[in-house]
Amino acid sequence: MIYVFYNNDPLAHDQGGGAEHFRGLHRALLKSGLEFHLVAARLQPGCSPSHITYVSATSNFLRFYLGLWRWFWRNRKRFGTKDVFHFHRNYAAWPKLLLAPSRGRVLISYHNVTGQVLDGWLGRLGRPVRRVMIRLERRVARLADAIICVSGRDRRRLGEVVEAAPFATASVIPAAFDAGLFKDRPAAPPPPELATKVLLLGRVSHQKNVPLAISTLEVLAERGEAFTLTIAGEGEDSRDLIRRLARSRASEQISWLGRVPHDEVPAMLETHGILLLTSRYEASPTVVKEALKAMRPVVSTDVGDVADWLDEGASGFIAEADPNDLADALCRARDLVVAGGYRQTERIDGLDEDAIMLEVVHLYRRLQAV
């Protein structure tokens, strides 16, 4: 049996790379012929297939984590030696490691570097907690049978922060995206009239750093540039965003839509000319791949594996996390659109969901065969 654990719902349409990754794994496992079971968080009403167990009614990780401990306690005696347990946070593996330590194989996926979310919550006050987390993570990394990192950058950084040896042999498998959303939408570069329409799509959180995007629009407004910004998303920093917009000098050029269902992303991209990503950190952001699939230039801070997928100057631009540098990059992207110079990256073919998820399925099979 393959068990996959994630605090999201593969039957819902939540935004975000992690949510899409979980949906992609679900689709791949349905095709694989492997016996599998998902342990998840319910984010939609009613639907409960026999191959999914919901241990919480929210994606809040603490609630999901408590449900995970209960689930492992109840099922600890039923696991076999050929079972594979796939966790998407290193500390999510502790219920298995403590309650069923000798049964099956453990696979851990890393979607970020340890402590970055904690830094966003607590800043310097979180450093003592982070030190404890890293000590525990070293133990988990040594006990894991296999590790997946979604980018080479994350693998290198984790090797430095946690411990080099376990990550030296870690697989690098990027997060896929659902190309099926775009199958009935012929891709074409944006027309010149969309060259100044910018879209920021994602959770309103410390990680996504939406205030930096607003500061960038303020710089452009001061320069007399007629850009507009659409923010599509909601999250824990939504109230701060409302206050920030209320006092922004560029408020008339910025609109906030709130949450947009994931299946509406292609339509959102079609009505904008440029995708903007101002994140403090990322692993393998889905929205960048979706923008490239829709042939929209991307302007992004240098995070995660974004630079691996862009052809600088042809399909996007990497900028410093600075409003002036991002404003310069947006102007270059606008000029690229107006001149008809956008060129689709050949790397987009490397993001085929079936090919990427097949690597994960092969890893499951190898772990079962050990």
Protein backbone atom coordinates (compact mmCIF):
# COMPACT_ATOMS: atom_id res chain seq x y z
CA MET A 1 0.00 0.00 0.00
CA ILE A 2 1.15 3.53 -0.80
CA TYR A 3 0.07 6.07 1.82
CA VAL A 4 0.29 9.76 0.96
CA PHE A 5 -0.17 12.44 3.64
CA TYR A 6 -0.90 16.09 2.95
CA ASN A 7 -2.94 18.79 4.68
CA ASN A 8 -5.04 19.57 1.63
CA ASP A 9 -7.88 17.96 -0.30
CA PRO A 10 -7.22 16.28 -3.69
CA LEU A 11 -10.90 16.72 -4.57
CA ALA A 12 -11.01 20.47 -3.88
CA HIS A 13 -9.77 23.37 -6.00
CA ASP A 14 -7.57 25.21 -3.55
CA GLN A 15 -4.90 27.46 -5.07
CA GLY A 16 -1.22 26.93 -4.53
CA GLY A 17 1.60 24.70 -5.71
CA GLY A 18 1.25 22.26 -2.82
CA ALA A 19 -2.45 21.76 -3.45
CA GLU A 20 -1.86 21.19 -7.16
CA HIS A 21 0.98 18.78 -6.39
CA PHE A 22 -1.37 16.71 -4.22
CA ARG A 23 -4.00 16.67 -6.96
CA GLY A 24 -1.34 15.61 -9.45
CA LEU A 25 -0.20 12.74 -7.22
CA HIS A 26 -3.81 11.65 -6.87
CA ARG A 27 -4.31 11.60 -10.64
CA ALA A 28 -1.04 9.71 -11.14
CA LEU A 29 -1.88 7.08 -8.53
CA LEU A 30 -5.30 6.52 -10.06
CA LYS A 31 -3.55 5.69 -13.36
CA SER A 32 -0.71 3.67 -11.83
CA GLY A 33 -2.50 0.49 -10.80
CA LEU A 34 -0.82 0.69 -7.39
CA GLU A 35 -2.83 0.14 -4.25
CA PHE A 36 -2.90 3.47 -2.43
CA HIS A 37 -4.60 5.51 0.25
CA LEU A 38 -4.56 9.28 0.84
CA VAL A 39 -4.75 10.85 4.30
CA ALA A 40 -5.98 14.39 3.80
CA ALA A 41 -7.83 17.46 5.09
CA ARG A 42 -11.40 17.96 3.91
CA LEU A 43 -11.89 21.22 2.00
CA GLN A 44 -15.08 20.31 0.12
CA PRO A 45 -18.43 19.00 1.38
CA GLY A 46 -19.74 15.52 0.95
CA CYS A 47 -17.42 13.53 -1.28
CA SER A 48 -15.53 10.75 0.57
CA PRO A 49 -14.11 8.03 -1.71
CA SER A 50 -12.93 4.86 -0.01
CA HIS A 51 -9.29 5.59 -0.94
CA ILE A 52 -9.24 8.91 1.00
CA THR A 53 -9.41 9.37 4.78
CA TYR A 54 -10.00 12.90 6.04
CA VAL A 55 -8.41 13.51 9.44
CA SER A 56 -9.33 17.20 9.72
CA ALA A 57 -11.91 19.60 8.31
CA THR A 58 -9.41 22.36 7.64
CA SER A 59 -5.99 22.68 6.01
CA ASN A 60 -4.61 24.19 9.24
CA PHE A 61 -1.52 22.07 9.79
CA LEU A 62 -1.82 21.80 13.59
CA ARG A 63 -5.34 20.37 13.33
CA PHE A 64 -4.29 18.05 10.54
CA TYR A 65 -1.25 16.99 12.58
CA LEU A 66 -3.41 16.06 15.59
CA GLY A 67 -5.63 14.05 13.26
CA LEU A 68 -2.54 12.36 11.84
CA TRP A 69 -1.43 11.20 15.28
CA ARG A 70 -4.91 9.76 15.96
CA TRP A 71 -4.95 8.00 12.58
CA PHE A 72 -1.55 6.37 13.13
CA TRP A 73 -2.49 5.28 16.64
CA ARG A 74 -5.62 3.55 15.34
CA ASN A 75 -3.89 1.92 12.36
CA ARG A 76 -0.38 1.24 13.70
CA LYS A 77 -0.80 -2.56 13.77
CA ARG A 78 -2.14 -2.97 10.25
CA PHE A 79 0.90 -1.74 8.30
CA GLY A 80 3.14 -4.12 6.38
CA THR A 81 6.81 -4.22 5.38
CA LYS A 82 6.03 -3.29 1.75
CA ASP A 83 4.01 -0.20 2.65
CA VAL A 84 5.36 3.19 1.59
CA PHE A 85 4.55 6.33 3.61
CA HIS A 86 4.94 9.59 1.68
CA PHE A 87 5.01 12.74 3.83
CA HIS A 88 5.16 16.33 2.59
CA ARG A 89 6.65 17.87 5.71
CA ASN A 90 9.50 16.28 7.58
CA TYR A 91 7.80 16.64 10.98
CA ALA A 92 4.65 14.98 9.63
CA ALA A 93 6.66 11.73 9.64
CA TRP A 94 7.01 11.62 13.44
CA PRO A 95 3.70 9.79 14.10
CA LYS A 96 4.85 6.97 11.84
CA LEU A 97 8.44 6.95 13.11
CA LEU A 98 7.33 6.74 16.74
CA LEU A 99 4.17 4.63 16.54
CA ALA A 100 5.15 2.19 13.76
CA PRO A 101 8.95 2.52 13.44
CA SER A 102 9.73 -0.88 11.95
CA ARG A 103 6.96 -1.09 9.36
CA GLY A 104 7.33 0.01 5.75
CA ARG A 105 9.40 2.70 4.05
CA VAL A 106 9.39 6.47 4.58
CA LEU A 107 9.56 9.01 1.74
CA ILE A 108 9.68 12.73 2.49
CA SER A 109 9.09 15.56 0.01
CA TYR A 110 10.56 18.98 0.74
CA HIS A 111 8.73 21.97 -0.72
CA ASN A 112 10.74 24.60 1.15
CA VAL A 113 13.75 24.99 3.42
CA THR A 114 13.31 24.43 7.14
CA GLY A 115 12.21 27.42 9.21
CA GLN A 116 11.24 29.88 6.46
CA VAL A 117 7.56 29.89 7.40
CA LEU A 118 8.50 30.19 11.08
CA ASP A 119 10.65 33.22 10.27
CA GLY A 120 7.61 34.83 8.69
CA TRP A 121 5.52 34.26 11.81
CA LEU A 122 7.99 35.08 14.56
CA GLY A 123 11.07 36.68 13.01
CA ARG A 124 14.08 36.54 15.32
CA LEU A 125 11.94 35.21 18.17
CA GLY A 126 11.59 31.99 16.21
CA ARG A 127 15.32 31.23 16.09
CA PRO A 128 15.42 29.05 19.25
CA VAL A 129 12.45 27.06 17.94
CA ARG A 130 14.12 26.74 14.56
CA ARG A 131 17.27 25.32 16.15
CA VAL A 132 15.17 22.63 17.82
CA MET A 133 13.35 21.95 14.55
CA ILE A 134 16.62 21.47 12.68
CA ARG A 135 17.91 19.00 15.29
CA LEU A 136 14.70 16.99 14.95
CA GLU A 137 14.86 17.27 11.18
CA ARG A 138 18.38 15.84 11.09
CA ARG A 139 16.99 12.79 12.85
CA VAL A 140 14.08 12.48 10.41
CA ALA A 141 16.38 12.88 7.38
CA ARG A 142 18.61 10.06 8.65
CA LEU A 143 15.62 7.78 9.24
CA ALA A 144 13.96 8.45 5.88
CA ASP A 145 14.42 5.83 3.18
CA ALA A 146 14.21 8.41 0.39
CA ILE A 147 13.93 12.18 0.00
CA ILE A 148 12.50 14.33 -2.80
CA CYS A 149 13.40 17.99 -3.27
CA VAL A 150 11.50 20.03 -5.84
CA SER A 151 14.57 21.99 -6.94
CA GLY A 152 18.33 21.64 -6.97
CA ARG A 153 18.57 24.90 -5.06
CA ASP A 154 16.47 23.53 -2.19
CA ARG A 155 18.51 20.32 -2.12
CA ARG A 156 21.76 22.29 -1.83
CA ARG A 157 20.36 24.59 0.83
CA LEU A 158 18.89 21.74 2.87
CA GLY A 159 22.23 19.98 2.73
CA GLU A 160 23.81 23.08 4.25
CA VAL A 161 21.13 23.80 6.85
CA VAL A 162 20.16 20.29 7.93
CA GLU A 163 22.82 17.75 6.99
CA ALA A 164 24.66 17.07 3.76
CA ALA A 165 24.66 13.28 3.65
CA PRO A 166 20.89 12.52 3.39
CA PHE A 167 20.41 15.19 0.71
CA ALA A 168 23.38 14.16 -1.41
CA THR A 169 21.28 11.30 -2.79
CA ALA A 170 17.91 13.06 -2.71
CA SER A 171 15.87 13.01 -5.92
CA VAL A 172 15.09 16.35 -7.56
CA ILE A 173 11.58 16.17 -8.99
CA PRO A 174 9.87 19.51 -9.74
CA ALA A 175 6.26 20.16 -8.91
CA ALA A 176 4.06 19.59 -11.94
CA PHE A 177 1.01 21.55 -12.99
CA ASP A 178 -2.29 20.51 -14.53
CA ALA A 179 -1.82 21.19 -18.23
CA GLY A 180 -5.34 19.81 -18.76
CA LEU A 181 -6.70 23.19 -17.63
CA PHE A 182 -5.25 24.67 -20.81
CA LYS A 183 -6.16 21.94 -23.31
CA ASP A 184 -9.05 23.84 -24.91
CA ARG A 185 -7.23 27.17 -24.88
CA PRO A 186 -4.78 27.68 -27.76
CA ALA A 187 -1.78 29.53 -26.35
CA ALA A 188 -0.60 32.77 -27.92
CA PRO A 189 1.63 35.61 -26.71
CA PRO A 190 -0.30 38.52 -25.18
CA PRO A 191 -1.40 41.28 -27.55
CA PRO A 192 0.12 44.75 -27.05
CA GLU A 193 -3.03 46.09 -25.36
CA LEU A 194 -2.34 43.75 -22.40
CA ALA A 195 1.30 44.79 -22.06
CA THR A 196 0.73 46.88 -18.92
CA LYS A 197 -1.82 44.60 -17.23
CA VAL A 198 -0.01 42.73 -14.46
CA LEU A 199 -1.36 39.78 -12.47
CA LEU A 200 -0.21 38.57 -9.07
CA LEU A 201 -1.81 35.23 -8.31
CA GLY A 202 -1.38 33.43 -5.01
CA ARG A 203 -1.97 33.32 -1.28
CA VAL A 204 -1.88 36.65 0.53
CA SER A 205 0.81 35.69 3.04
CA HIS A 206 4.24 36.62 4.36
CA GLN A 207 5.78 34.20 1.84
CA LYS A 208 4.19 35.85 -1.20
CA ASN A 209 5.23 39.36 -0.08
CA VAL A 210 2.33 41.19 -1.71
CA PRO A 211 3.40 44.57 -0.18
CA LEU A 212 6.48 44.42 -2.42
CA ALA A 213 4.21 44.20 -5.46
CA ILE A 214 2.28 47.26 -4.27
CA SER A 215 5.52 49.18 -3.70
CA THR A 216 6.56 48.26 -7.24
CA LEU A 217 3.33 49.71 -8.66
CA GLU A 218 3.94 52.86 -6.62
CA VAL A 219 7.36 53.24 -8.22
CA LEU A 220 5.84 52.82 -11.66
CA ALA A 221 3.11 55.37 -10.86
CA GLU A 222 5.77 57.88 -9.75
CA ARG A 223 7.52 57.36 -13.09
CA GLY A 224 4.27 58.05 -14.94
CA GLU A 225 3.98 54.45 -16.22
CA ALA A 226 0.40 53.31 -16.85
CA PHE A 227 0.59 49.83 -15.35
CA THR A 228 -2.26 48.15 -13.49
CA LEU A 229 -2.01 45.30 -10.99
CA THR A 230 -4.63 42.66 -10.24
CA ILE A 231 -4.13 40.70 -7.02
CA ALA A 232 -5.98 37.36 -7.02
CA GLY A 233 -5.84 35.46 -3.76
CA GLU A 234 -6.61 35.60 -0.07
CA GLY A 235 -4.88 34.47 3.10
CA GLU A 236 -3.77 35.27 6.60
CA ASP A 237 -2.41 38.69 5.59
CA SER A 238 -5.61 39.84 3.86
CA ARG A 239 -6.42 42.45 6.54
CA ASP A 240 -2.94 43.91 6.26
CA LEU A 241 -3.41 44.05 2.50
CA ILE A 242 -6.62 46.06 2.89
CA ARG A 243 -4.82 48.60 5.08
CA ARG A 244 -1.85 48.74 2.72
CA LEU A 245 -4.06 49.37 -0.30
CA ALA A 246 -6.01 52.07 1.53
CA ARG A 247 -2.90 54.19 1.99
CA SER A 248 -1.17 53.33 -1.29
CA ARG A 249 -0.39 56.14 -3.73
CA ALA A 250 -1.18 53.68 -6.53
CA SER A 251 -4.49 52.41 -5.14
CA GLU A 252 -6.41 53.45 -8.26
CA GLN A 253 -4.17 51.21 -10.36
CA ILE A 254 -4.52 48.15 -8.12
CA SER A 255 -7.50 45.83 -7.76
CA TRP A 256 -7.86 42.94 -5.33
CA LEU A 257 -10.22 40.15 -6.36
CA GLY A 258 -9.85 37.84 -3.37
CA ARG A 259 -9.78 34.11 -3.90
CA VAL A 260 -10.10 32.84 -7.48
CA PRO A 261 -10.96 29.14 -8.06
CA HIS A 262 -8.04 27.25 -9.56
CA ASP A 263 -9.94 26.29 -12.71
CA GLU A 264 -10.32 30.01 -13.51
CA VAL A 265 -6.56 30.59 -13.63
CA PRO A 266 -6.26 30.16 -17.43
CA ALA A 267 -8.94 32.81 -17.98
CA MET A 268 -7.19 35.15 -15.54
CA LEU A 269 -3.92 34.77 -17.41
CA GLU A 270 -5.61 35.39 -20.76
CA THR A 271 -6.84 38.81 -19.62
CA HIS A 272 -3.42 39.95 -18.35
CA GLY A 273 -0.13 40.45 -20.12
CA ILE A 274 2.44 39.75 -17.39
CA LEU A 275 2.64 37.54 -14.30
CA LEU A 276 4.40 39.05 -11.28
CA LEU A 277 5.89 36.96 -8.46
CA THR A 278 7.32 38.86 -5.48
CA SER A 279 7.79 35.95 -3.07
CA ARG A 280 10.39 35.88 -0.30
CA TYR A 281 10.86 32.16 -0.91
CA GLU A 282 9.37 29.42 -3.07
CA ALA A 283 10.14 25.85 -3.99
CA SER A 284 8.67 25.19 -7.43
CA PRO A 285 5.77 27.64 -7.90
CA THR A 286 2.94 26.26 -10.01
CA VAL A 287 1.73 29.67 -11.15
CA VAL A 288 4.99 30.32 -13.03
CA LYS A 289 4.54 27.14 -15.05
CA GLU A 290 0.90 28.01 -15.71
CA ALA A 291 1.93 31.45 -16.97
CA LEU A 292 4.55 29.93 -19.26
CA LYS A 293 1.97 27.46 -20.59
CA ALA A 294 -0.33 30.42 -21.33
CA MET A 295 2.63 32.24 -22.98
CA ARG A 296 2.67 35.10 -20.49
CA PRO A 297 6.05 36.62 -19.57
CA VAL A 298 6.99 36.23 -15.91
CA VAL A 299 8.70 38.83 -13.75
CA SER A 300 9.91 37.21 -10.55
CA THR A 301 12.24 37.50 -7.62
CA ASP A 302 15.00 34.89 -7.70
CA VAL A 303 13.29 32.14 -5.72
CA GLY A 304 12.99 28.35 -5.97
CA ASP A 305 13.39 26.91 -9.42
CA VAL A 306 11.88 29.87 -11.31
CA ALA A 307 15.15 30.69 -13.09
CA ASP A 308 15.36 27.07 -14.27
CA TRP A 309 12.20 27.47 -16.34
CA LEU A 310 12.60 31.00 -17.72
CA ASP A 311 14.58 32.06 -20.76
CA GLU A 312 15.79 35.46 -19.54
CA GLY A 313 14.66 38.19 -21.90
CA ALA A 314 12.49 35.88 -24.00
CA SER A 315 9.89 34.39 -21.62
CA GLY A 316 10.58 36.35 -18.45
CA PHE A 317 12.89 38.32 -16.20
CA ILE A 318 14.46 37.66 -12.80
CA ALA A 319 14.78 40.74 -10.57
CA GLU A 320 16.07 41.66 -7.15
CA ALA A 321 13.52 41.86 -4.33
CA ASP A 322 13.50 45.63 -4.69
CA PRO A 323 10.64 47.82 -6.00
CA ASN A 324 12.88 49.74 -8.40
CA ASP A 325 14.45 46.61 -9.88
CA LEU A 326 11.07 44.91 -10.22
CA ALA A 327 9.66 48.06 -11.86
CA ASP A 328 12.53 48.01 -14.37
CA ALA A 329 11.85 44.33 -15.10
CA LEU A 330 8.13 45.01 -15.64
CA CYS A 331 9.02 47.73 -18.14
CA ARG A 332 11.27 45.29 -19.98
CA ALA A 333 8.45 42.73 -20.01
CA ARG A 334 6.05 45.36 -21.35
CA ASP A 335 8.48 46.26 -24.13
CA LEU A 336 8.86 42.56 -24.93
CA VAL A 337 5.08 42.20 -25.33
CA VAL A 338 4.71 45.39 -27.39
CA ALA A 339 7.52 44.33 -29.73
CA GLY A 340 6.07 40.83 -30.16
CA GLY A 341 9.31 39.38 -28.84
CA TYR A 342 7.92 36.75 -26.47
CA ARG A 343 9.29 33.29 -27.20
CA GLN A 344 7.91 30.16 -25.58
CA THR A 345 10.54 28.30 -23.61
CA GLU A 346 11.33 24.79 -24.76
CA ARG A 347 11.60 23.84 -21.09
CA ILE A 348 7.82 23.82 -20.79
CA ASP A 349 7.83 20.32 -22.28
CA GLY A 350 9.78 19.16 -19.23
CA LEU A 351 6.82 20.03 -17.03
CA ASP A 352 4.48 17.38 -18.37
CA GLU A 353 2.53 16.12 -15.36
CA ASP A 354 2.50 12.49 -16.47
CA ALA A 355 6.28 12.43 -16.93
CA ILE A 356 7.01 14.13 -13.61
CA MET A 357 4.56 12.11 -11.55
CA LEU A 358 5.77 8.92 -13.22
CA GLU A 359 9.14 9.58 -11.55
CA VAL A 360 7.40 9.61 -8.16
CA VAL A 361 5.47 6.43 -8.99
CA HIS A 362 8.73 4.72 -10.02
CA LEU A 363 10.21 5.77 -6.68
CA TYR A 364 7.25 4.18 -4.89
CA ARG A 365 7.84 0.94 -6.77
CA ARG A 366 11.56 0.94 -5.95
CA LEU A 367 10.87 1.46 -2.26
CA GLN A 368 8.35 -1.40 -2.28
CA ALA A 369 10.89 -3.66 -3.94
CA VAL A 370 13.61 -3.06 -1.32
